[in-house]
Amino acid sequence: MQRGSAEIFLGLGLIILGILALKITDHNYWWAAIALGAVLGSKGGISISQRARA
């Protein structure tokens, strides 16, 4: 698996985990996991698109 694809799937996993944990525990620090997942997924998508363009 390419690094960008792994980052996308890790980002999606963090987002899903953060949403589920936020619903279960109702602690606001799970928003950090959601934000980190969004950053990782975006970074992975950007790296894949740059590699495809080159």
C-alpha atoms as a PDB file:
ATOM      1  CA  MET A   1       0.000   0.000   0.000  1.00  0.00           C
ATOM      2  CA  GLN A   2       1.288   3.416  -0.870  1.00  0.00           C
ATOM      3  CA  ARG A   3       2.033   5.890   1.877  1.00  0.00           C
ATOM      4  CA  GLY A   4      -0.675   8.312   0.752  1.00  0.00           C
ATOM      5  CA  SER A   5      -3.311   5.591   0.750  1.00  0.00           C
ATOM      6  CA  ALA A   6      -2.284   4.507   4.228  1.00  0.00           C
ATOM      7  CA  GLU A   7      -2.575   8.102   5.455  1.00  0.00           C
ATOM      8  CA  ILE A   8      -6.055   8.417   3.975  1.00  0.00           C
ATOM      9  CA  PHE A   9      -7.267   5.232   5.651  1.00  0.00           C
ATOM     10  CA  LEU A  10      -5.608   6.153   8.944  1.00  0.00           C
ATOM     11  CA  GLY A  11      -7.278   9.559   8.759  1.00  0.00           C
ATOM     12  CA  LEU A  12     -10.674   8.003   8.105  1.00  0.00           C
ATOM     13  CA  GLY A  13     -10.168   5.624  11.011  1.00  0.00           C
ATOM     14  CA  LEU A  14      -9.283   8.482  13.346  1.00  0.00           C
ATOM     15  CA  ILE A  15     -12.333  10.442  12.249  1.00  0.00           C
ATOM     16  CA  ILE A  16     -14.668   7.492  12.811  1.00  0.00           C
ATOM     17  CA  LEU A  17     -13.034   6.652  16.151  1.00  0.00           C
ATOM     18  CA  GLY A  18     -13.275  10.276  17.239  1.00  0.00           C
ATOM     19  CA  ILE A  19     -16.953  10.539  16.314  1.00  0.00           C
ATOM     20  CA  LEU A  20     -17.852   7.299  18.087  1.00  0.00           C
ATOM     21  CA  ALA A  21     -15.846   8.209  21.179  1.00  0.00           C
ATOM     22  CA  LEU A  22     -17.381  11.687  21.209  1.00  0.00           C
ATOM     23  CA  LYS A  23     -20.881  10.206  21.111  1.00  0.00           C
ATOM     24  CA  ILE A  24     -20.096   7.641  23.822  1.00  0.00           C
ATOM     25  CA  THR A  25     -18.070   9.725  26.288  1.00  0.00           C
ATOM     26  CA  ASP A  26     -19.215  13.295  25.476  1.00  0.00           C
ATOM     27  CA  HIS A  27     -15.700  14.621  26.164  1.00  0.00           C
ATOM     28  CA  ASN A  28     -14.649  17.475  23.919  1.00  0.00           C
ATOM     29  CA  TYR A  29     -11.014  16.367  23.583  1.00  0.00           C
ATOM     30  CA  TRP A  30     -12.104  13.785  20.989  1.00  0.00           C
ATOM     31  CA  TRP A  31     -12.434  16.700  18.585  1.00  0.00           C
ATOM     32  CA  ALA A  32      -8.624  16.642  18.454  1.00  0.00           C
ATOM     33  CA  ALA A  33      -8.718  13.076  17.066  1.00  0.00           C
ATOM     34  CA  ILE A  34     -11.273  14.148  14.470  1.00  0.00           C
ATOM     35  CA  ALA A  35      -9.141  17.134  13.446  1.00  0.00           C
ATOM     36  CA  LEU A  36      -5.986  14.992  13.310  1.00  0.00           C
ATOM     37  CA  GLY A  37      -7.794  12.487  11.104  1.00  0.00           C
ATOM     38  CA  ALA A  38      -8.854  15.255   8.752  1.00  0.00           C
ATOM     39  CA  VAL A  39      -5.294  16.561   8.521  1.00  0.00           C
ATOM     40  CA  LEU A  40      -3.838  13.105   7.880  1.00  0.00           C
ATOM     41  CA  GLY A  41      -6.450  12.261   5.249  1.00  0.00           C
ATOM     42  CA  SER A  42      -5.912  15.555   3.456  1.00  0.00           C
ATOM     43  CA  LYS A  43      -2.145  15.136   3.532  1.00  0.00           C
ATOM     44  CA  GLY A  44      -2.472  11.638   2.077  1.00  0.00           C
ATOM     45  CA  GLY A  45      -4.762  12.829  -0.688  1.00  0.00           C
ATOM     46  CA  ILE A  46      -2.415  15.670  -1.572  1.00  0.00           C
ATOM     47  CA  SER A  47       0.584  13.336  -1.734  1.00  0.00           C
ATOM     48  CA  ILE A  48      -1.276  10.929  -4.024  1.00  0.00           C
ATOM     49  CA  SER A  49      -2.394  13.735  -6.343  1.00  0.00           C
ATOM     50  CA  GLN A  50       1.125  15.177  -6.538  1.00  0.00           C
ATOM     51  CA  ARG A  51       2.544  11.778  -7.384  1.00  0.00           C
ATOM     52  CA  ALA A  52      -0.098  11.264 -10.096  1.00  0.00           C
ATOM     53  CA  ARG A  53       0.634  14.676 -11.618  1.00  0.00           C
ATOM     54  CA  ALA A  54       4.393  14.156 -11.821  1.00  0.00           C
END
